[in-house]
Amino acid sequence: WAQLRIVPWLVLPLALLTATLAALAARFFSVNVGARAAVAGFSSLVLFGVNLTVTAALSRLREDSVCLATPVGPRAVVLARVAAVLALDAAAAVAASAAAAAWGAAGSIGAMLAGWLVPMAAVAGAVAFLAIWTAPWAGVVVGMSVIPLVGPSSSPIAFGPPSGSLQEAITPFGVVALGLSLIAAAALSSPSALASQKTR
């Protein structure tokens, strides 16, 4: 719980703002395009929020003396921060999913939830790994390109045919497993990443 107090304050407003925008986008797409586009648009914005919040939570990790001095070590710090941010994102997104479904923005709340829950870990893992090993901005950029690949097909921010291709190639379960593996790799490699940054 100590890690929650030092997660940047910006994480909460980012999660709430992107969840609100996602609900509004779902309504917009459902009226103008259709239910499938509403789910994809909603999911894309929720995942963009995950991209931003994970980056914000890990952006100052290298300079964070608490992370380096804590008895639990950087591995536990990274896992705790990513878990806390994902819990916050999920809570905001569940509320936004319920609001969007109540507005009639999509066929069912199950489709809304699956649209962002399945790829959530993959986006968070890719962003966390790059934010730790390279720079926070690199995590944001790569996160933006990962969203259409792991998100539902027919995403409004997709770049053509690759939209949803990873879910089709390795199944939704495979996308979840890939995401959890990336989060674990980010946490397990964090001591080496922080040590290499100190020597530069």
C-alpha atoms as a PDB file:
ATOM      1  CA  TRP A   1       0.000   0.000   0.000  1.00  0.00           C
ATOM      2  CA  ALA A   2       2.940   2.320   0.498  1.00  0.00           C
ATOM      3  CA  GLN A   3       3.421   2.438  -3.270  1.00  0.00           C
ATOM      4  CA  LEU A   4      -0.048   3.894  -3.748  1.00  0.00           C
ATOM      5  CA  ARG A   5       0.991   7.042  -1.900  1.00  0.00           C
ATOM      6  CA  ILE A   6       3.874   7.732  -4.260  1.00  0.00           C
ATOM      7  CA  VAL A   7       2.146   6.957  -7.544  1.00  0.00           C
ATOM      8  CA  PRO A   8       1.938  10.321  -9.361  1.00  0.00           C
ATOM      9  CA  TRP A   9      -1.293  12.211  -8.696  1.00  0.00           C
ATOM     10  CA  LEU A  10      -1.853  12.567 -12.444  1.00  0.00           C
ATOM     11  CA  VAL A  11      -2.824   8.883 -12.719  1.00  0.00           C
ATOM     12  CA  LEU A  12      -6.298   9.362 -11.197  1.00  0.00           C
ATOM     13  CA  PRO A  13      -7.477  12.241 -13.422  1.00  0.00           C
ATOM     14  CA  LEU A  14      -6.058  10.504 -16.512  1.00  0.00           C
ATOM     15  CA  ALA A  15      -7.986   7.312 -15.722  1.00  0.00           C
ATOM     16  CA  LEU A  16     -11.215   9.193 -15.079  1.00  0.00           C
ATOM     17  CA  LEU A  17     -10.854  11.454 -18.119  1.00  0.00           C
ATOM     18  CA  THR A  18     -10.130   8.667 -20.593  1.00  0.00           C
ATOM     19  CA  ALA A  19     -12.943   6.493 -19.183  1.00  0.00           C
ATOM     20  CA  THR A  20     -15.380   9.398 -19.573  1.00  0.00           C
ATOM     21  CA  LEU A  21     -14.190  10.081 -23.118  1.00  0.00           C
ATOM     22  CA  ALA A  22     -14.513   6.373 -23.896  1.00  0.00           C
ATOM     23  CA  ALA A  23     -18.159   6.348 -22.804  1.00  0.00           C
ATOM     24  CA  LEU A  24     -18.866   9.429 -24.920  1.00  0.00           C
ATOM     25  CA  ALA A  25     -17.060   7.905 -27.909  1.00  0.00           C
ATOM     26  CA  ALA A  26     -19.106   4.712 -27.563  1.00  0.00           C
ATOM     27  CA  ARG A  27     -22.295   6.752 -27.705  1.00  0.00           C
ATOM     28  CA  PHE A  28     -21.035   8.697 -30.717  1.00  0.00           C
ATOM     29  CA  PHE A  29     -19.989   5.590 -32.661  1.00  0.00           C
ATOM     30  CA  SER A  30     -23.172   3.693 -31.810  1.00  0.00           C
ATOM     31  CA  VAL A  31     -25.336   6.494 -33.190  1.00  0.00           C
ATOM     32  CA  ASN A  32     -23.238   7.202 -36.288  1.00  0.00           C
ATOM     33  CA  VAL A  33     -21.604   3.880 -37.203  1.00  0.00           C
ATOM     34  CA  GLY A  34     -22.911   0.902 -35.242  1.00  0.00           C
ATOM     35  CA  ALA A  35     -22.521  -1.247 -32.136  1.00  0.00           C
ATOM     36  CA  ARG A  36     -19.308  -2.954 -33.267  1.00  0.00           C
ATOM     37  CA  ALA A  37     -17.574   0.385 -33.857  1.00  0.00           C
ATOM     38  CA  ALA A  38     -18.898   1.592 -30.495  1.00  0.00           C
ATOM     39  CA  VAL A  39     -17.207  -1.311 -28.708  1.00  0.00           C
ATOM     40  CA  ALA A  40     -13.980  -0.803 -30.652  1.00  0.00           C
ATOM     41  CA  GLY A  41     -13.927   2.951 -30.067  1.00  0.00           C
ATOM     42  CA  PHE A  42     -14.669   2.526 -26.374  1.00  0.00           C
ATOM     43  CA  SER A  43     -11.952  -0.101 -26.001  1.00  0.00           C
ATOM     44  CA  SER A  44      -9.375   1.958 -27.893  1.00  0.00           C
ATOM     45  CA  LEU A  45      -9.850   4.942 -25.600  1.00  0.00           C
ATOM     46  CA  VAL A  46      -9.781   2.824 -22.439  1.00  0.00           C
ATOM     47  CA  LEU A  47      -6.536   1.207 -23.633  1.00  0.00           C
ATOM     48  CA  PHE A  48      -5.117   4.631 -24.463  1.00  0.00           C
ATOM     49  CA  GLY A  49      -5.852   5.548 -20.845  1.00  0.00           C
ATOM     50  CA  VAL A  50      -3.974   2.448 -19.674  1.00  0.00           C
ATOM     51  CA  ASN A  51      -1.081   3.537 -21.875  1.00  0.00           C
ATOM     52  CA  LEU A  52      -0.977   6.969 -20.218  1.00  0.00           C
ATOM     53  CA  THR A  53      -1.519   5.868 -16.622  1.00  0.00           C
ATOM     54  CA  VAL A  54       1.103   3.105 -16.653  1.00  0.00           C
ATOM     55  CA  THR A  55       3.582   5.527 -18.208  1.00  0.00           C
ATOM     56  CA  ALA A  56       2.793   8.156 -15.564  1.00  0.00           C
ATOM     57  CA  ALA A  57       3.148   5.613 -12.743  1.00  0.00           C
ATOM     58  CA  LEU A  58       6.580   4.478 -13.945  1.00  0.00           C
ATOM     59  CA  SER A  59       7.863   7.734 -15.440  1.00  0.00           C
ATOM     60  CA  ARG A  60       9.972   8.734 -12.452  1.00  0.00           C
ATOM     61  CA  LEU A  61      11.037   5.243 -11.417  1.00  0.00           C
ATOM     62  CA  ARG A  62      14.690   5.835 -12.252  1.00  0.00           C
ATOM     63  CA  GLU A  63      14.901   8.943 -10.090  1.00  0.00           C
ATOM     64  CA  ASP A  64      12.748   7.457  -7.331  1.00  0.00           C
ATOM     65  CA  SER A  65      14.991   6.946  -4.305  1.00  0.00           C
ATOM     66  CA  VAL A  66      12.152   5.153  -2.518  1.00  0.00           C
ATOM     67  CA  CYS A  67      12.163   2.487  -5.215  1.00  0.00           C
ATOM     68  CA  LEU A  68      15.889   1.918  -4.911  1.00  0.00           C
ATOM     69  CA  ALA A  69      16.041   2.046  -1.116  1.00  0.00           C
ATOM     70  CA  THR A  70      12.965   0.014  -0.244  1.00  0.00           C
ATOM     71  CA  PRO A  71      13.603  -3.399   1.311  1.00  0.00           C
ATOM     72  CA  VAL A  72      11.241  -5.103  -1.152  1.00  0.00           C
ATOM     73  CA  GLY A  73      13.292  -3.942  -4.149  1.00  0.00           C
ATOM     74  CA  PRO A  74      12.398  -2.605  -7.573  1.00  0.00           C
ATOM     75  CA  ARG A  75      10.681  -5.802  -8.747  1.00  0.00           C
ATOM     76  CA  ALA A  76       7.976  -5.525  -6.093  1.00  0.00           C
ATOM     77  CA  VAL A  77       7.715  -1.765  -6.629  1.00  0.00           C
ATOM     78  CA  VAL A  78       7.076  -2.174 -10.364  1.00  0.00           C
ATOM     79  CA  LEU A  79       4.519  -4.945  -9.813  1.00  0.00           C
ATOM     80  CA  ALA A  80       2.746  -2.951  -7.094  1.00  0.00           C
ATOM     81  CA  ARG A  81       2.559   0.200  -9.196  1.00  0.00           C
ATOM     82  CA  VAL A  82       1.373  -1.551 -12.333  1.00  0.00           C
ATOM     83  CA  ALA A  83      -1.217  -3.529 -10.344  1.00  0.00           C
ATOM     84  CA  ALA A  84      -2.477  -0.388  -8.587  1.00  0.00           C
ATOM     85  CA  VAL A  85      -2.775   1.536 -11.836  1.00  0.00           C
ATOM     86  CA  LEU A  86      -4.517  -1.334 -13.624  1.00  0.00           C
ATOM     87  CA  ALA A  87      -6.987  -1.687 -10.742  1.00  0.00           C
ATOM     88  CA  LEU A  88      -7.774   2.025 -10.971  1.00  0.00           C
ATOM     89  CA  ASP A  89      -8.106   1.872 -14.761  1.00  0.00           C
ATOM     90  CA  ALA A  90     -10.332  -1.193 -14.522  1.00  0.00           C
ATOM     91  CA  ALA A  91     -12.618   0.420 -11.932  1.00  0.00           C
ATOM     92  CA  ALA A  92     -13.031   3.544 -14.075  1.00  0.00           C
ATOM     93  CA  ALA A  93     -13.551   1.479 -17.229  1.00  0.00           C
ATOM     94  CA  VAL A  94     -16.166  -0.793 -15.604  1.00  0.00           C
ATOM     95  CA  ALA A  95     -18.153   2.276 -14.552  1.00  0.00           C
ATOM     96  CA  ALA A  96     -17.797   3.745 -18.047  1.00  0.00           C
ATOM     97  CA  SER A  97     -18.836   0.399 -19.603  1.00  0.00           C
ATOM     98  CA  ALA A  98     -21.957   0.342 -17.464  1.00  0.00           C
ATOM     99  CA  ALA A  99     -22.761   3.944 -18.423  1.00  0.00           C
ATOM    100  CA  ALA A 100     -22.210   3.242 -22.135  1.00  0.00           C
ATOM    101  CA  ALA A 101     -24.350   0.100 -21.996  1.00  0.00           C
ATOM    102  CA  ALA A 102     -27.096   2.001 -20.166  1.00  0.00           C
ATOM    103  CA  TRP A 103     -27.072   4.573 -22.994  1.00  0.00           C
ATOM    104  CA  GLY A 104     -27.550   1.736 -25.443  1.00  0.00           C
ATOM    105  CA  ALA A 105     -24.133   2.324 -26.977  1.00  0.00           C
ATOM    106  CA  ALA A 106     -23.465  -1.388 -27.554  1.00  0.00           C
ATOM    107  CA  GLY A 107     -25.300  -4.661 -27.690  1.00  0.00           C
ATOM    108  CA  SER A 108     -24.242  -5.900 -24.264  1.00  0.00           C
ATOM    109  CA  ILE A 109     -22.037  -4.910 -21.390  1.00  0.00           C
ATOM    110  CA  GLY A 110     -20.160  -8.201 -21.863  1.00  0.00           C
ATOM    111  CA  ALA A 111     -18.911  -7.083 -25.273  1.00  0.00           C
ATOM    112  CA  MET A 112     -17.848  -3.728 -23.810  1.00  0.00           C
ATOM    113  CA  LEU A 113     -15.921  -5.402 -20.988  1.00  0.00           C
ATOM    114  CA  ALA A 114     -14.229  -8.007 -23.198  1.00  0.00           C
ATOM    115  CA  GLY A 115     -13.170  -5.321 -25.675  1.00  0.00           C
ATOM    116  CA  TRP A 116     -10.766  -3.705 -23.217  1.00  0.00           C
ATOM    117  CA  LEU A 117     -10.195  -6.374 -20.548  1.00  0.00           C
ATOM    118  CA  VAL A 118      -8.593  -8.878 -22.926  1.00  0.00           C
ATOM    119  CA  PRO A 119      -5.862  -6.546 -24.289  1.00  0.00           C
ATOM    120  CA  MET A 120      -5.366  -4.502 -21.109  1.00  0.00           C
ATOM    121  CA  ALA A 121      -2.404  -6.496 -19.787  1.00  0.00           C
ATOM    122  CA  ALA A 122      -0.699  -6.569 -23.195  1.00  0.00           C
ATOM    123  CA  VAL A 123      -0.791  -2.787 -23.492  1.00  0.00           C
ATOM    124  CA  ALA A 124       0.305  -2.310 -19.873  1.00  0.00           C
ATOM    125  CA  GLY A 125       3.128  -4.838 -20.221  1.00  0.00           C
ATOM    126  CA  ALA A 126       4.539  -3.320 -23.407  1.00  0.00           C
ATOM    127  CA  VAL A 127       4.367   0.191 -21.957  1.00  0.00           C
ATOM    128  CA  ALA A 128       5.889  -0.841 -18.606  1.00  0.00           C
ATOM    129  CA  PHE A 129       8.757  -2.726 -20.214  1.00  0.00           C
ATOM    130  CA  LEU A 130       9.698   0.170 -22.496  1.00  0.00           C
ATOM    131  CA  ALA A 131       9.186   2.837 -19.836  1.00  0.00           C
ATOM    132  CA  ILE A 132      11.638   1.009 -17.584  1.00  0.00           C
ATOM    133  CA  TRP A 133      14.233   0.051 -20.179  1.00  0.00           C
ATOM    134  CA  THR A 134      14.204   3.088 -22.476  1.00  0.00           C
ATOM    135  CA  ALA A 135      12.155   6.197 -21.761  1.00  0.00           C
ATOM    136  CA  PRO A 136       8.544   6.932 -20.792  1.00  0.00           C
ATOM    137  CA  TRP A 137       7.826   8.585 -24.139  1.00  0.00           C
ATOM    138  CA  ALA A 138       8.916   5.394 -25.919  1.00  0.00           C
ATOM    139  CA  GLY A 139       6.344   3.470 -23.902  1.00  0.00           C
ATOM    140  CA  VAL A 140       3.609   5.880 -24.982  1.00  0.00           C
ATOM    141  CA  VAL A 141       4.574   5.701 -28.664  1.00  0.00           C
ATOM    142  CA  VAL A 142       4.795   1.903 -28.754  1.00  0.00           C
ATOM    143  CA  GLY A 143       1.650   1.618 -26.651  1.00  0.00           C
ATOM    144  CA  MET A 144      -0.220   3.622 -29.284  1.00  0.00           C
ATOM    145  CA  SER A 145       0.872   1.209 -31.994  1.00  0.00           C
ATOM    146  CA  VAL A 146       0.111  -1.875 -29.864  1.00  0.00           C
ATOM    147  CA  ILE A 147      -3.498  -0.826 -29.133  1.00  0.00           C
ATOM    148  CA  PRO A 148      -4.864  -1.507 -32.644  1.00  0.00           C
ATOM    149  CA  LEU A 149      -3.011  -4.827 -32.858  1.00  0.00           C
ATOM    150  CA  VAL A 150      -4.306  -6.279 -29.588  1.00  0.00           C
ATOM    151  CA  GLY A 151      -7.639  -4.472 -29.411  1.00  0.00           C
ATOM    152  CA  PRO A 152     -10.881  -5.580 -30.995  1.00  0.00           C
ATOM    153  CA  SER A 153     -11.143  -5.543 -34.766  1.00  0.00           C
ATOM    154  CA  SER A 154     -12.691  -2.559 -36.554  1.00  0.00           C
ATOM    155  CA  SER A 155     -11.008  -0.161 -34.142  1.00  0.00           C
ATOM    156  CA  PRO A 156     -11.542   3.481 -35.170  1.00  0.00           C
ATOM    157  CA  ILE A 157      -7.864   4.258 -34.597  1.00  0.00           C
ATOM    158  CA  ALA A 158      -6.666   1.181 -36.439  1.00  0.00           C
ATOM    159  CA  PHE A 159      -4.198   1.317 -39.278  1.00  0.00           C
ATOM    160  CA  GLY A 160      -6.097  -0.840 -41.723  1.00  0.00           C
ATOM    161  CA  PRO A 161      -6.046  -4.647 -41.830  1.00  0.00           C
ATOM    162  CA  PRO A 162      -3.800  -5.174 -38.752  1.00  0.00           C
ATOM    163  CA  SER A 163      -6.674  -4.114 -36.488  1.00  0.00           C
ATOM    164  CA  GLY A 164      -7.265  -6.905 -33.978  1.00  0.00           C
ATOM    165  CA  SER A 165      -4.837  -9.195 -35.798  1.00  0.00           C
ATOM    166  CA  LEU A 166      -3.057 -10.391 -32.665  1.00  0.00           C
ATOM    167  CA  GLN A 167      -6.298 -11.529 -31.041  1.00  0.00           C
ATOM    168  CA  GLU A 168      -7.131 -13.445 -34.196  1.00  0.00           C
ATOM    169  CA  ALA A 169      -3.652 -14.965 -34.457  1.00  0.00           C
ATOM    170  CA  ILE A 170      -3.066 -16.117 -30.875  1.00  0.00           C
ATOM    171  CA  THR A 171      -6.626 -15.989 -29.460  1.00  0.00           C
ATOM    172  CA  PRO A 172      -7.815 -13.684 -26.672  1.00  0.00           C
ATOM    173  CA  PHE A 173      -6.359 -16.039 -24.052  1.00  0.00           C
ATOM    174  CA  GLY A 174      -2.982 -15.780 -25.797  1.00  0.00           C
ATOM    175  CA  VAL A 175      -3.170 -11.976 -25.712  1.00  0.00           C
ATOM    176  CA  VAL A 176      -3.833 -12.061 -21.954  1.00  0.00           C
ATOM    177  CA  ALA A 177      -0.936 -14.505 -21.428  1.00  0.00           C
ATOM    178  CA  LEU A 178       1.360 -12.325 -23.539  1.00  0.00           C
ATOM    179  CA  GLY A 179       0.413  -9.270 -21.496  1.00  0.00           C
ATOM    180  CA  LEU A 180       1.030 -10.980 -18.168  1.00  0.00           C
ATOM    181  CA  SER A 181       4.386 -12.231 -19.470  1.00  0.00           C
ATOM    182  CA  LEU A 182       5.378  -8.696 -20.474  1.00  0.00           C
ATOM    183  CA  ILE A 183       4.429  -7.325 -17.048  1.00  0.00           C
ATOM    184  CA  ALA A 184       6.433 -10.092 -15.366  1.00  0.00           C
ATOM    185  CA  ALA A 185       9.410  -9.421 -17.656  1.00  0.00           C
ATOM    186  CA  ALA A 186       9.257  -5.697 -16.867  1.00  0.00           C
ATOM    187  CA  ALA A 187       9.206  -6.363 -13.127  1.00  0.00           C
ATOM    188  CA  LEU A 188      11.859  -9.085 -13.139  1.00  0.00           C
ATOM    189  CA  SER A 189      14.251  -7.082 -15.290  1.00  0.00           C
ATOM    190  CA  SER A 190      13.749  -3.774 -13.468  1.00  0.00           C
ATOM    191  CA  PRO A 191      16.876  -4.061 -11.247  1.00  0.00           C
ATOM    192  CA  SER A 192      19.051  -4.538 -14.338  1.00  0.00           C
ATOM    193  CA  ALA A 193      17.289  -1.703 -16.160  1.00  0.00           C
ATOM    194  CA  LEU A 194      17.728   0.705 -13.255  1.00  0.00           C
ATOM    195  CA  ALA A 195      21.376  -0.317 -12.807  1.00  0.00           C
ATOM    196  CA  SER A 196      22.125   0.208 -16.500  1.00  0.00           C
ATOM    197  CA  GLN A 197      20.531   3.666 -16.403  1.00  0.00           C
ATOM    198  CA  LYS A 198      22.703   4.684 -13.438  1.00  0.00           C
ATOM    199  CA  THR A 199      25.867   3.810 -15.362  1.00  0.00           C
ATOM    200  CA  ARG A 200      24.946   5.975 -18.369  1.00  0.00           C
END
